[in-house]
Amino acid sequence: MVSRFEHPAGGYKKMFETCEELAEPIPATIIGRIPSFLRGSLLRLGPGLFEVGDEPFYHLFDGQALMHKFDFKNGQVTYYRKFVKTDAYVRAITEKRVVITEFGTFAYPDPCKNIFSRFFSYFKGVEVTDNCLVNVFPIGEDFYAVTETNFITKVNPDTLETLKKVDICNYVNINGMTAHPHIENDGTVYNIGNCMGKGASLAYNIVKIPPTQKDKSDPIEKIKVVVQIPSAERFKPSYVHSFGMSENYFVFVETPVKINLLKFLSAWSIRGSNYMDCFESNEDQGVGDPAALSCLWSITLFHIAAKEPGEYINHKFKGAPIGMFHHINTYEDDGFIVVDLCGWKG
């Protein structure tokens, strides 16, 4: 007899259900016992709105950002949630349609505009989303909700109110940052993103944001590039979701999953594409094929850089083509750098 296990999420459909904000924190149901000495708050982000008007958001990464807060005190837990009032969210709610293109959902032009207005709106450039649904982390004494673009959103960790939108491009040469930085014990933040390097060539910049400043100035204003890593291809950067950092080194894994920038800039505006449409990969060749060793398109490159001083070590390690999102750990052991990552073949 074969028994079929039904997942509580009902085929994961509940992951795509729209939620409503809470007017105030509510008590959580506790199974077991919460230690009375545990005090503080746990903040998390995720998608919470999957349709606006008659238009759906098609991808899990497209649901509009909803912040969750669990408060722990005296063995009790309360739960609270509010939407992050990003431009993408506010405009969608106001216009009752998808206004800004997301990872897997294309935003069509305003149907109320005439054909000439819509035609010229295609050539205003790419409007990048600020839907910060991925992560929340501290910068100095402030907290920011983030996604993978150049926009981060300052939030109040107590009330979950949205405070302001910050464009990292105003401070440093970087097109966007990952949502998974590394934070030192003193509060120093390291992150990575792609950029245009020397001679209009692509590169990846590792940036550093200092900890809380004695003069109470904004640490973001002191963000700087500490090291630049070259890209294997001039117009096709690898998709970057995370990177590794040990005590003395940065590790960047450049996979064959590429973003076609020409398609991003042209097809996006003219044909109507989303982020996913601009991804490309080539796994036909592997390192077992001698021809692949000279083909940077079809292999994975492991880049190393020293933290202090920031210096790229021009000795690339080559590996078979993989896909990956997350680094698990990076550490040094007896003269070696050990990298744990969650990857899949091809």
C-alpha atoms as a PDB file:
ATOM      1  CA  MET A   1       0.000   0.000   0.000  1.00  0.00           C
ATOM      2  CA  VAL A   2       1.343   3.427  -0.980  1.00  0.00           C
ATOM      3  CA  SER A   3       0.349   6.327   1.241  1.00  0.00           C
ATOM      4  CA  ARG A   4       0.493   9.867  -0.097  1.00  0.00           C
ATOM      5  CA  PHE A   5       1.726  12.636   2.184  1.00  0.00           C
ATOM      6  CA  GLU A   6      -0.091  15.912   1.712  1.00  0.00           C
ATOM      7  CA  HIS A   7       2.045  18.926   2.572  1.00  0.00           C
ATOM      8  CA  PRO A   8       0.351  21.347   5.009  1.00  0.00           C
ATOM      9  CA  ALA A   9       0.870  24.143   2.488  1.00  0.00           C
ATOM     10  CA  GLY A  10      -1.452  22.331   0.063  1.00  0.00           C
ATOM     11  CA  GLY A  11       0.959  22.005  -2.843  1.00  0.00           C
ATOM     12  CA  TYR A  12       2.648  25.249  -1.763  1.00  0.00           C
ATOM     13  CA  LYS A  13      -0.315  27.304  -2.979  1.00  0.00           C
ATOM     14  CA  LYS A  14      -0.414  29.147   0.336  1.00  0.00           C
ATOM     15  CA  MET A  15       2.980  30.636  -0.486  1.00  0.00           C
ATOM     16  CA  PHE A  16       1.204  32.641  -3.187  1.00  0.00           C
ATOM     17  CA  GLU A  17      -1.756  33.805  -1.092  1.00  0.00           C
ATOM     18  CA  THR A  18      -2.113  37.529  -0.478  1.00  0.00           C
ATOM     19  CA  CYS A  19      -2.024  38.635   3.172  1.00  0.00           C
ATOM     20  CA  GLU A  20      -3.459  41.684   4.901  1.00  0.00           C
ATOM     21  CA  GLU A  21      -1.617  43.969   7.275  1.00  0.00           C
ATOM     22  CA  LEU A  22      -2.309  43.746  10.998  1.00  0.00           C
ATOM     23  CA  ALA A  23      -3.607  46.781  12.843  1.00  0.00           C
ATOM     24  CA  GLU A  24      -1.660  45.804  15.970  1.00  0.00           C
ATOM     25  CA  PRO A  25       0.494  42.921  17.242  1.00  0.00           C
ATOM     26  CA  ILE A  26      -1.349  39.729  18.130  1.00  0.00           C
ATOM     27  CA  PRO A  27      -0.329  36.968  20.578  1.00  0.00           C
ATOM     28  CA  ALA A  28       1.298  33.966  18.934  1.00  0.00           C
ATOM     29  CA  THR A  29       0.269  30.401  19.712  1.00  0.00           C
ATOM     30  CA  ILE A  30       3.162  28.739  21.510  1.00  0.00           C
ATOM     31  CA  ILE A  31       3.795  25.006  21.387  1.00  0.00           C
ATOM     32  CA  GLY A  32       6.307  24.072  24.056  1.00  0.00           C
ATOM     33  CA  ARG A  33       8.062  26.691  26.131  1.00  0.00           C
ATOM     34  CA  ILE A  34       9.835  29.948  25.290  1.00  0.00           C
ATOM     35  CA  PRO A  35      12.673  30.691  27.786  1.00  0.00           C
ATOM     36  CA  SER A  36      11.801  33.709  29.914  1.00  0.00           C
ATOM     37  CA  PHE A  37      15.299  35.166  29.436  1.00  0.00           C
ATOM     38  CA  LEU A  38      14.782  35.405  25.646  1.00  0.00           C
ATOM     39  CA  ARG A  39      14.033  39.038  24.874  1.00  0.00           C
ATOM     40  CA  GLY A  40      14.107  40.913  21.593  1.00  0.00           C
ATOM     41  CA  SER A  41      12.648  40.968  18.103  1.00  0.00           C
ATOM     42  CA  LEU A  42      12.980  38.774  15.016  1.00  0.00           C
ATOM     43  CA  LEU A  43      12.416  40.567  11.710  1.00  0.00           C
ATOM     44  CA  ARG A  44      11.748  38.751   8.450  1.00  0.00           C
ATOM     45  CA  LEU A  45      10.656  39.735   4.941  1.00  0.00           C
ATOM     46  CA  GLY A  46       8.784  37.922   2.212  1.00  0.00           C
ATOM     47  CA  PRO A  47       6.155  38.306  -0.505  1.00  0.00           C
ATOM     48  CA  GLY A  48       2.676  39.251   0.712  1.00  0.00           C
ATOM     49  CA  LEU A  49       0.691  40.693  -2.213  1.00  0.00           C
ATOM     50  CA  PHE A  50       0.257  38.600  -5.371  1.00  0.00           C
ATOM     51  CA  GLU A  51      -2.409  40.466  -7.303  1.00  0.00           C
ATOM     52  CA  VAL A  52      -3.352  44.077  -7.812  1.00  0.00           C
ATOM     53  CA  GLY A  53      -6.527  45.004  -9.660  1.00  0.00           C
ATOM     54  CA  ASP A  54      -6.998  42.313 -12.295  1.00  0.00           C
ATOM     55  CA  GLU A  55      -3.261  41.671 -12.717  1.00  0.00           C
ATOM     56  CA  PRO A  56      -1.288  38.936 -10.925  1.00  0.00           C
ATOM     57  CA  PHE A  57       2.359  38.818  -9.931  1.00  0.00           C
ATOM     58  CA  TYR A  58       3.583  35.604 -11.575  1.00  0.00           C
ATOM     59  CA  HIS A  59       6.712  34.735  -9.605  1.00  0.00           C
ATOM     60  CA  LEU A  60       7.396  34.108  -5.926  1.00  0.00           C
ATOM     61  CA  PHE A  61      10.075  36.827  -6.076  1.00  0.00           C
ATOM     62  CA  ASP A  62       7.466  39.322  -7.349  1.00  0.00           C
ATOM     63  CA  GLY A  63       5.023  39.383  -4.432  1.00  0.00           C
ATOM     64  CA  GLN A  64       5.165  42.791  -2.786  1.00  0.00           C
ATOM     65  CA  ALA A  65       7.330  43.098   0.321  1.00  0.00           C
ATOM     66  CA  LEU A  66       5.676  42.244   3.642  1.00  0.00           C
ATOM     67  CA  MET A  67       7.660  42.623   6.868  1.00  0.00           C
ATOM     68  CA  HIS A  68       7.046  40.226   9.761  1.00  0.00           C
ATOM     69  CA  LYS A  69       8.006  40.886  13.369  1.00  0.00           C
ATOM     70  CA  PHE A  70       8.082  38.483  16.315  1.00  0.00           C
ATOM     71  CA  ASP A  71       8.595  40.066  19.752  1.00  0.00           C
ATOM     72  CA  PHE A  72       9.878  37.843  22.584  1.00  0.00           C
ATOM     73  CA  LYS A  73       9.309  38.877  26.216  1.00  0.00           C
ATOM     74  CA  ASN A  74       8.717  37.008  29.477  1.00  0.00           C
ATOM     75  CA  GLY A  75       8.151  33.694  27.728  1.00  0.00           C
ATOM     76  CA  GLN A  76       5.490  35.164  25.426  1.00  0.00           C
ATOM     77  CA  VAL A  77       5.564  36.007  21.708  1.00  0.00           C
ATOM     78  CA  THR A  78       3.585  38.552  19.717  1.00  0.00           C
ATOM     79  CA  TYR A  79       3.382  38.751  15.925  1.00  0.00           C
ATOM     80  CA  TYR A  80       2.960  41.810  13.704  1.00  0.00           C
ATOM     81  CA  ARG A  81       3.181  42.507   9.973  1.00  0.00           C
ATOM     82  CA  LYS A  82       3.039  45.493   7.616  1.00  0.00           C
ATOM     83  CA  PHE A  83       3.728  46.044   3.932  1.00  0.00           C
ATOM     84  CA  VAL A  84       6.858  48.000   3.073  1.00  0.00           C
ATOM     85  CA  LYS A  85       5.578  51.126   1.316  1.00  0.00           C
ATOM     86  CA  THR A  86       7.967  51.029  -1.633  1.00  0.00           C
ATOM     87  CA  ASP A  87       7.326  52.929  -4.862  1.00  0.00           C
ATOM     88  CA  ALA A  88       6.457  49.606  -6.527  1.00  0.00           C
ATOM     89  CA  TYR A  89       3.824  48.877  -3.865  1.00  0.00           C
ATOM     90  CA  VAL A  90       2.335  52.374  -3.537  1.00  0.00           C
ATOM     91  CA  ARG A  91       2.036  52.889  -7.289  1.00  0.00           C
ATOM     92  CA  ALA A  92       0.538  49.439  -7.818  1.00  0.00           C
ATOM     93  CA  ILE A  93      -2.083  50.034  -5.125  1.00  0.00           C
ATOM     94  CA  THR A  94      -2.820  53.537  -6.416  1.00  0.00           C
ATOM     95  CA  GLU A  95      -3.124  52.571 -10.092  1.00  0.00           C
ATOM     96  CA  LYS A  96      -4.567  49.093  -9.410  1.00  0.00           C
ATOM     97  CA  ARG A  97      -2.106  47.433 -11.795  1.00  0.00           C
ATOM     98  CA  VAL A  98       1.498  46.217 -11.976  1.00  0.00           C
ATOM     99  CA  VAL A  99       3.445  49.427 -12.599  1.00  0.00           C
ATOM    100  CA  ILE A 100       7.110  48.367 -12.312  1.00  0.00           C
ATOM    101  CA  THR A 101       8.510  45.212 -13.922  1.00  0.00           C
ATOM    102  CA  GLU A 102       9.546  42.569 -11.401  1.00  0.00           C
ATOM    103  CA  PHE A 103      11.700  39.427 -11.605  1.00  0.00           C
ATOM    104  CA  GLY A 104       9.075  37.364 -13.452  1.00  0.00           C
ATOM    105  CA  THR A 105       6.252  39.842 -14.128  1.00  0.00           C
ATOM    106  CA  PHE A 106       6.307  42.429 -16.905  1.00  0.00           C
ATOM    107  CA  ALA A 107       4.605  45.776 -16.288  1.00  0.00           C
ATOM    108  CA  TYR A 108       2.551  46.865 -19.277  1.00  0.00           C
ATOM    109  CA  PRO A 109       2.181  50.576 -20.108  1.00  0.00           C
ATOM    110  CA  ASP A 110      -0.674  52.534 -18.598  1.00  0.00           C
ATOM    111  CA  PRO A 111      -3.718  51.667 -20.757  1.00  0.00           C
ATOM    112  CA  CYS A 112      -5.159  55.141 -20.113  1.00  0.00           C
ATOM    113  CA  LYS A 113      -2.300  56.799 -21.991  1.00  0.00           C
ATOM    114  CA  ASN A 114      -2.607  57.264 -25.729  1.00  0.00           C
ATOM    115  CA  ILE A 115      -0.478  55.245 -28.130  1.00  0.00           C
ATOM    116  CA  PHE A 116       2.094  58.024 -28.552  1.00  0.00           C
ATOM    117  CA  SER A 117       2.637  58.398 -24.810  1.00  0.00           C
ATOM    118  CA  ARG A 118       3.038  54.649 -24.448  1.00  0.00           C
ATOM    119  CA  PHE A 119       5.466  54.475 -27.392  1.00  0.00           C
ATOM    120  CA  PHE A 120       7.764  57.146 -25.992  1.00  0.00           C
ATOM    121  CA  SER A 121       7.568  55.727 -22.478  1.00  0.00           C
ATOM    122  CA  TYR A 122       9.394  52.641 -23.802  1.00  0.00           C
ATOM    123  CA  PHE A 123      12.502  54.716 -24.434  1.00  0.00           C
ATOM    124  CA  LYS A 124      12.854  56.400 -21.055  1.00  0.00           C
ATOM    125  CA  GLY A 125      15.152  53.640 -19.842  1.00  0.00           C
ATOM    126  CA  VAL A 126      14.692  50.720 -17.515  1.00  0.00           C
ATOM    127  CA  GLU A 127      12.710  51.481 -14.374  1.00  0.00           C
ATOM    128  CA  VAL A 128      14.207  49.273 -11.675  1.00  0.00           C
ATOM    129  CA  THR A 129      12.039  47.848  -8.921  1.00  0.00           C
ATOM    130  CA  ASP A 130      12.510  48.721  -5.254  1.00  0.00           C
ATOM    131  CA  ASN A 131      10.352  45.798  -4.054  1.00  0.00           C
ATOM    132  CA  CYS A 132      12.562  44.919  -1.067  1.00  0.00           C
ATOM    133  CA  LEU A 133      11.114  41.514  -0.164  1.00  0.00           C
ATOM    134  CA  VAL A 134      14.291  39.508   0.412  1.00  0.00           C
ATOM    135  CA  ASN A 135      16.120  40.550   3.567  1.00  0.00           C
ATOM    136  CA  VAL A 136      16.451  43.124   6.338  1.00  0.00           C
ATOM    137  CA  PHE A 137      19.739  44.000   8.039  1.00  0.00           C
ATOM    138  CA  PRO A 138      21.339  46.810  10.077  1.00  0.00           C
ATOM    139  CA  ILE A 139      23.529  49.567   8.709  1.00  0.00           C
ATOM    140  CA  GLY A 140      24.860  51.563  11.645  1.00  0.00           C
ATOM    141  CA  GLU A 141      21.924  52.101  13.973  1.00  0.00           C
ATOM    142  CA  ASP A 142      19.354  51.861  11.170  1.00  0.00           C
ATOM    143  CA  PHE A 143      17.591  48.923   9.523  1.00  0.00           C
ATOM    144  CA  TYR A 144      17.080  48.479   5.787  1.00  0.00           C
ATOM    145  CA  ALA A 145      14.808  46.189   3.795  1.00  0.00           C
ATOM    146  CA  VAL A 146      16.550  45.089   0.596  1.00  0.00           C
ATOM    147  CA  THR A 147      16.247  43.201  -2.659  1.00  0.00           C
ATOM    148  CA  GLU A 148      18.950  42.840  -5.349  1.00  0.00           C
ATOM    149  CA  THR A 149      18.707  46.219  -7.056  1.00  0.00           C
ATOM    150  CA  ASN A 150      20.370  49.532  -6.237  1.00  0.00           C
ATOM    151  CA  PHE A 151      17.454  50.583  -4.011  1.00  0.00           C
ATOM    152  CA  ILE A 152      17.284  49.851  -0.285  1.00  0.00           C
ATOM    153  CA  THR A 153      14.474  50.999   2.028  1.00  0.00           C
ATOM    154  CA  LYS A 154      14.949  52.301   5.555  1.00  0.00           C
ATOM    155  CA  VAL A 155      12.356  50.948   7.996  1.00  0.00           C
ATOM    156  CA  ASN A 156      11.483  51.466  11.654  1.00  0.00           C
ATOM    157  CA  PRO A 157      12.131  48.117  13.372  1.00  0.00           C
ATOM    158  CA  ASP A 158       9.699  48.972  16.190  1.00  0.00           C
ATOM    159  CA  THR A 159       6.644  50.167  14.237  1.00  0.00           C
ATOM    160  CA  LEU A 160       7.572  48.614  10.824  1.00  0.00           C
ATOM    161  CA  GLU A 161       6.855  51.986   9.220  1.00  0.00           C
ATOM    162  CA  THR A 162       8.630  52.762   5.942  1.00  0.00           C
ATOM    163  CA  LEU A 163      10.975  55.728   6.371  1.00  0.00           C
ATOM    164  CA  LYS A 164      12.845  56.435   3.138  1.00  0.00           C
ATOM    165  CA  LYS A 165      14.208  54.985  -0.094  1.00  0.00           C
ATOM    166  CA  VAL A 166      17.973  55.118  -0.696  1.00  0.00           C
ATOM    167  CA  ASP A 167      19.697  54.767  -4.083  1.00  0.00           C
ATOM    168  CA  ILE A 168      23.148  53.212  -3.560  1.00  0.00           C
ATOM    169  CA  CYS A 169      24.172  54.446  -7.033  1.00  0.00           C
ATOM    170  CA  ASN A 170      24.296  57.966  -5.586  1.00  0.00           C
ATOM    171  CA  TYR A 171      27.244  56.963  -3.405  1.00  0.00           C
ATOM    172  CA  VAL A 172      29.293  54.307  -5.191  1.00  0.00           C
ATOM    173  CA  ASN A 173      29.842  52.759  -8.640  1.00  0.00           C
ATOM    174  CA  ILE A 174      27.596  49.725  -8.407  1.00  0.00           C
ATOM    175  CA  ASN A 175      24.461  48.716 -10.319  1.00  0.00           C
ATOM    176  CA  GLY A 176      22.926  46.820  -7.444  1.00  0.00           C
ATOM    177  CA  MET A 177      23.862  44.828  -4.361  1.00  0.00           C
ATOM    178  CA  THR A 178      23.002  41.371  -3.128  1.00  0.00           C
ATOM    179  CA  ALA A 179      20.459  40.967  -0.338  1.00  0.00           C
ATOM    180  CA  HIS A 180      22.956  38.839   1.609  1.00  0.00           C
ATOM    181  CA  PRO A 181      25.824  40.962   2.935  1.00  0.00           C
ATOM    182  CA  HIS A 182      28.375  39.949   5.537  1.00  0.00           C
ATOM    183  CA  ILE A 183      28.363  41.920   8.786  1.00  0.00           C
ATOM    184  CA  GLU A 184      31.413  42.052  11.060  1.00  0.00           C
ATOM    185  CA  ASN A 185      31.170  42.068  14.870  1.00  0.00           C
ATOM    186  CA  ASP A 186      31.703  45.844  14.934  1.00  0.00           C
ATOM    187  CA  GLY A 187      28.865  46.435  12.449  1.00  0.00           C
ATOM    188  CA  THR A 188      30.961  46.838   9.279  1.00  0.00           C
ATOM    189  CA  VAL A 189      28.948  45.683   6.249  1.00  0.00           C
ATOM    190  CA  TYR A 190      30.487  44.070   3.155  1.00  0.00           C
ATOM    191  CA  ASN A 191      28.509  43.417  -0.023  1.00  0.00           C
ATOM    192  CA  ILE A 192      29.012  42.809  -3.750  1.00  0.00           C
ATOM    193  CA  GLY A 193      27.380  43.827  -7.024  1.00  0.00           C
ATOM    194  CA  ASN A 194      28.239  44.293 -10.675  1.00  0.00           C
ATOM    195  CA  CYS A 195      29.397  47.569 -12.161  1.00  0.00           C
ATOM    196  CA  MET A 196      30.978  49.135 -15.209  1.00  0.00           C
ATOM    197  CA  GLY A 197      34.768  48.999 -14.801  1.00  0.00           C
ATOM    198  CA  LYS A 198      37.629  50.584 -16.702  1.00  0.00           C
ATOM    199  CA  GLY A 199      37.161  50.972 -20.441  1.00  0.00           C
ATOM    200  CA  ALA A 200      33.405  50.298 -20.154  1.00  0.00           C
ATOM    201  CA  SER A 201      34.128  46.705 -19.197  1.00  0.00           C
ATOM    202  CA  LEU A 202      32.057  44.790 -16.692  1.00  0.00           C
ATOM    203  CA  ALA A 203      33.351  44.031 -13.218  1.00  0.00           C
ATOM    204  CA  TYR A 204      32.127  43.120  -9.738  1.00  0.00           C
ATOM    205  CA  ASN A 205      32.739  45.577  -6.917  1.00  0.00           C
ATOM    206  CA  ILE A 206      32.976  44.518  -3.284  1.00  0.00           C
ATOM    207  CA  VAL A 207      31.888  47.473  -1.156  1.00  0.00           C
ATOM    208  CA  LYS A 208      32.347  48.309   2.510  1.00  0.00           C
ATOM    209  CA  ILE A 209      29.975  50.297   4.725  1.00  0.00           C
ATOM    210  CA  PRO A 210      31.547  51.346   8.053  1.00  0.00           C
ATOM    211  CA  PRO A 211      29.818  50.814  11.414  1.00  0.00           C
ATOM    212  CA  THR A 212      28.020  53.462  13.500  1.00  0.00           C
ATOM    213  CA  GLN A 213      29.877  56.777  13.263  1.00  0.00           C
ATOM    214  CA  LYS A 214      30.947  58.722  16.363  1.00  0.00           C
ATOM    215  CA  ASP A 215      29.624  61.931  14.813  1.00  0.00           C
ATOM    216  CA  LYS A 216      26.245  60.194  14.167  1.00  0.00           C
ATOM    217  CA  SER A 217      26.599  60.744  10.418  1.00  0.00           C
ATOM    218  CA  ASP A 218      25.044  58.241   8.013  1.00  0.00           C
ATOM    219  CA  PRO A 219      27.453  55.313   7.389  1.00  0.00           C
ATOM    220  CA  ILE A 220      26.016  54.897   3.885  1.00  0.00           C
ATOM    221  CA  GLU A 221      27.591  58.218   2.925  1.00  0.00           C
ATOM    222  CA  LYS A 222      30.995  56.631   3.631  1.00  0.00           C
ATOM    223  CA  ILE A 223      30.463  53.490   1.531  1.00  0.00           C
ATOM    224  CA  LYS A 224      33.480  52.675  -0.650  1.00  0.00           C
ATOM    225  CA  VAL A 225      34.741  50.047  -3.087  1.00  0.00           C
ATOM    226  CA  VAL A 226      37.440  47.912  -1.450  1.00  0.00           C
ATOM    227  CA  VAL A 227      38.271  45.608  -4.365  1.00  0.00           C
ATOM    228  CA  GLN A 228      37.171  45.085  -7.968  1.00  0.00           C
ATOM    229  CA  ILE A 229      36.901  41.633  -9.556  1.00  0.00           C
ATOM    230  CA  PRO A 230      36.997  41.362 -13.381  1.00  0.00           C
ATOM    231  CA  SER A 231      34.131  39.799 -15.313  1.00  0.00           C
ATOM    232  CA  ALA A 232      34.740  36.846 -17.644  1.00  0.00           C
ATOM    233  CA  GLU A 233      32.504  38.443 -20.292  1.00  0.00           C
ATOM    234  CA  ARG A 234      32.213  42.051 -21.319  1.00  0.00           C
ATOM    235  CA  PHE A 235      28.437  42.329 -21.756  1.00  0.00           C
ATOM    236  CA  LYS A 236      27.189  39.368 -19.742  1.00  0.00           C
ATOM    237  CA  PRO A 237      27.786  39.465 -15.995  1.00  0.00           C
ATOM    238  CA  SER A 238      27.024  36.400 -13.942  1.00  0.00           C
ATOM    239  CA  TYR A 239      23.989  36.457 -11.720  1.00  0.00           C
ATOM    240  CA  VAL A 240      25.197  37.224  -8.180  1.00  0.00           C
ATOM    241  CA  HIS A 241      23.083  36.245  -5.170  1.00  0.00           C
ATOM    242  CA  SER A 242      25.730  35.880  -2.449  1.00  0.00           C
ATOM    243  CA  PHE A 243      29.476  35.667  -1.871  1.00  0.00           C
ATOM    244  CA  GLY A 244      31.890  34.182   0.635  1.00  0.00           C
ATOM    245  CA  MET A 245      34.008  35.938   3.244  1.00  0.00           C
ATOM    246  CA  SER A 246      36.532  34.470   5.662  1.00  0.00           C
ATOM    247  CA  GLU A 247      38.669  36.318   8.191  1.00  0.00           C
ATOM    248  CA  ASN A 248      41.128  37.506   5.543  1.00  0.00           C
ATOM    249  CA  TYR A 249      39.591  36.788   2.126  1.00  0.00           C
ATOM    250  CA  PHE A 250      36.598  37.341  -0.125  1.00  0.00           C
ATOM    251  CA  VAL A 251      35.439  34.501  -2.390  1.00  0.00           C
ATOM    252  CA  PHE A 252      33.302  35.236  -5.436  1.00  0.00           C
ATOM    253  CA  VAL A 253      31.879  32.381  -7.531  1.00  0.00           C
ATOM    254  CA  GLU A 254      31.230  33.440 -11.144  1.00  0.00           C
ATOM    255  CA  THR A 255      28.815  30.876 -12.591  1.00  0.00           C
ATOM    256  CA  PRO A 256      27.740  30.357 -16.236  1.00  0.00           C
ATOM    257  CA  VAL A 257      24.298  31.790 -15.397  1.00  0.00           C
ATOM    258  CA  LYS A 258      24.560  35.149 -17.164  1.00  0.00           C
ATOM    259  CA  ILE A 259      22.519  38.321 -17.537  1.00  0.00           C
ATOM    260  CA  ASN A 260      22.442  39.489 -21.140  1.00  0.00           C
ATOM    261  CA  LEU A 261      22.764  43.266 -20.749  1.00  0.00           C
ATOM    262  CA  LEU A 262      21.990  44.011 -24.398  1.00  0.00           C
ATOM    263  CA  LYS A 263      18.736  42.098 -24.072  1.00  0.00           C
ATOM    264  CA  PHE A 264      18.089  43.780 -20.750  1.00  0.00           C
ATOM    265  CA  LEU A 265      18.430  47.258 -22.243  1.00  0.00           C
ATOM    266  CA  SER A 266      16.706  46.659 -25.595  1.00  0.00           C
ATOM    267  CA  ALA A 267      14.231  43.803 -25.414  1.00  0.00           C
ATOM    268  CA  TRP A 268      13.009  45.034 -22.021  1.00  0.00           C
ATOM    269  CA  SER A 269      11.982  48.371 -23.474  1.00  0.00           C
ATOM    270  CA  ILE A 270      10.778  47.304 -26.906  1.00  0.00           C
ATOM    271  CA  ARG A 271       9.396  43.769 -26.599  1.00  0.00           C
ATOM    272  CA  GLY A 272       8.374  43.735 -22.967  1.00  0.00           C
ATOM    273  CA  SER A 273      10.602  41.405 -20.990  1.00  0.00           C
ATOM    274  CA  ASN A 274      11.125  40.711 -17.314  1.00  0.00           C
ATOM    275  CA  TYR A 275      14.334  39.951 -15.434  1.00  0.00           C
ATOM    276  CA  MET A 276      14.075  36.196 -16.052  1.00  0.00           C
ATOM    277  CA  ASP A 277      13.898  36.739 -19.825  1.00  0.00           C
ATOM    278  CA  CYS A 278      17.384  38.267 -19.726  1.00  0.00           C
ATOM    279  CA  PHE A 279      19.041  35.240 -18.108  1.00  0.00           C
ATOM    280  CA  GLU A 280      21.166  32.910 -20.221  1.00  0.00           C
ATOM    281  CA  SER A 281      23.268  29.842 -19.469  1.00  0.00           C
ATOM    282  CA  ASN A 282      25.359  27.317 -21.348  1.00  0.00           C
ATOM    283  CA  GLU A 283      25.895  23.920 -19.752  1.00  0.00           C
ATOM    284  CA  ASP A 284      26.548  21.954 -22.962  1.00  0.00           C
ATOM    285  CA  GLN A 285      30.241  21.904 -22.185  1.00  0.00           C
ATOM    286  CA  GLY A 286      31.919  20.933 -18.923  1.00  0.00           C
ATOM    287  CA  VAL A 287      35.473  20.918 -17.662  1.00  0.00           C
ATOM    288  CA  GLY A 288      35.762  17.316 -18.856  1.00  0.00           C
ATOM    289  CA  ASP A 289      35.807  18.714 -22.387  1.00  0.00           C
ATOM    290  CA  PRO A 290      39.278  20.157 -23.218  1.00  0.00           C
ATOM    291  CA  ALA A 291      37.631  22.855 -25.335  1.00  0.00           C
ATOM    292  CA  ALA A 292      35.659  24.030 -22.321  1.00  0.00           C
ATOM    293  CA  LEU A 293      38.814  24.929 -20.409  1.00  0.00           C
ATOM    294  CA  SER A 294      39.340  27.875 -22.713  1.00  0.00           C
ATOM    295  CA  CYS A 295      35.624  28.741 -22.884  1.00  0.00           C
ATOM    296  CA  LEU A 296      34.816  31.050 -19.968  1.00  0.00           C
ATOM    297  CA  TRP A 297      31.139  30.878 -20.940  1.00  0.00           C
ATOM    298  CA  SER A 298      30.663  27.290 -19.859  1.00  0.00           C
ATOM    299  CA  ILE A 299      32.674  26.947 -16.639  1.00  0.00           C
ATOM    300  CA  THR A 300      32.512  28.235 -13.088  1.00  0.00           C
ATOM    301  CA  LEU A 301      35.274  30.580 -11.935  1.00  0.00           C
ATOM    302  CA  PHE A 302      36.271  30.935  -8.284  1.00  0.00           C
ATOM    303  CA  HIS A 303      37.772  34.369  -7.599  1.00  0.00           C
ATOM    304  CA  ILE A 304      39.797  35.255  -4.484  1.00  0.00           C
ATOM    305  CA  ALA A 305      40.544  38.712  -3.064  1.00  0.00           C
ATOM    306  CA  ALA A 306      42.350  39.822   0.086  1.00  0.00           C
ATOM    307  CA  LYS A 307      40.377  41.932   2.572  1.00  0.00           C
ATOM    308  CA  GLU A 308      43.215  44.048   4.006  1.00  0.00           C
ATOM    309  CA  PRO A 309      44.340  45.721   1.934  1.00  0.00           C
ATOM    310  CA  GLY A 310      41.649  45.115  -0.676  1.00  0.00           C
ATOM    311  CA  GLU A 311      43.521  43.333  -3.457  1.00  0.00           C
ATOM    312  CA  TYR A 312      42.386  40.995  -6.217  1.00  0.00           C
ATOM    313  CA  ILE A 313      44.466  37.818  -6.415  1.00  0.00           C
ATOM    314  CA  ASN A 314      44.812  37.051 -10.099  1.00  0.00           C
ATOM    315  CA  HIS A 315      44.662  33.284  -9.805  1.00  0.00           C
ATOM    316  CA  LYS A 316      41.276  31.920 -10.859  1.00  0.00           C
ATOM    317  CA  PHE A 317      40.153  28.410  -9.958  1.00  0.00           C
ATOM    318  CA  LYS A 318      38.057  26.674 -12.622  1.00  0.00           C
ATOM    319  CA  GLY A 319      35.201  24.293 -11.937  1.00  0.00           C
ATOM    320  CA  ALA A 320      32.341  22.509 -13.653  1.00  0.00           C
ATOM    321  CA  PRO A 321      29.254  24.573 -14.539  1.00  0.00           C
ATOM    322  CA  ILE A 322      26.928  24.964 -11.555  1.00  0.00           C
ATOM    323  CA  GLY A 323      23.964  27.043 -10.515  1.00  0.00           C
ATOM    324  CA  MET A 324      23.869  28.516  -7.035  1.00  0.00           C
ATOM    325  CA  PHE A 325      22.159  31.038  -4.816  1.00  0.00           C
ATOM    326  CA  HIS A 326      23.692  30.751  -1.369  1.00  0.00           C
ATOM    327  CA  HIS A 327      27.079  30.422   0.245  1.00  0.00           C
ATOM    328  CA  ILE A 328      26.844  28.461   3.488  1.00  0.00           C
ATOM    329  CA  ASN A 329      30.269  29.109   5.001  1.00  0.00           C
ATOM    330  CA  THR A 330      33.761  30.336   4.148  1.00  0.00           C
ATOM    331  CA  TYR A 331      36.713  29.866   6.488  1.00  0.00           C
ATOM    332  CA  GLU A 332      40.472  29.336   6.593  1.00  0.00           C
ATOM    333  CA  ASP A 333      41.996  26.055   7.713  1.00  0.00           C
ATOM    334  CA  ASP A 334      45.722  25.248   7.737  1.00  0.00           C
ATOM    335  CA  GLY A 335      46.573  27.525   4.813  1.00  0.00           C
ATOM    336  CA  PHE A 336      43.486  26.634   2.783  1.00  0.00           C
ATOM    337  CA  ILE A 337      40.289  28.561   2.091  1.00  0.00           C
ATOM    338  CA  VAL A 338      37.324  26.233   2.568  1.00  0.00           C
ATOM    339  CA  VAL A 339      34.116  27.201   0.770  1.00  0.00           C
ATOM    340  CA  ASP A 340      30.746  25.591   1.444  1.00  0.00           C
ATOM    341  CA  LEU A 341      27.991  26.523  -0.984  1.00  0.00           C
ATOM    342  CA  CYS A 342      24.595  25.255  -2.019  1.00  0.00           C
ATOM    343  CA  GLY A 343      24.910  24.473  -5.727  1.00  0.00           C
ATOM    344  CA  TRP A 344      23.371  22.222  -8.307  1.00  0.00           C
ATOM    345  CA  LYS A 345      24.903  20.557 -11.332  1.00  0.00           C
ATOM    346  CA  GLY A 346      24.505  22.333 -14.644  1.00  0.00           C
END
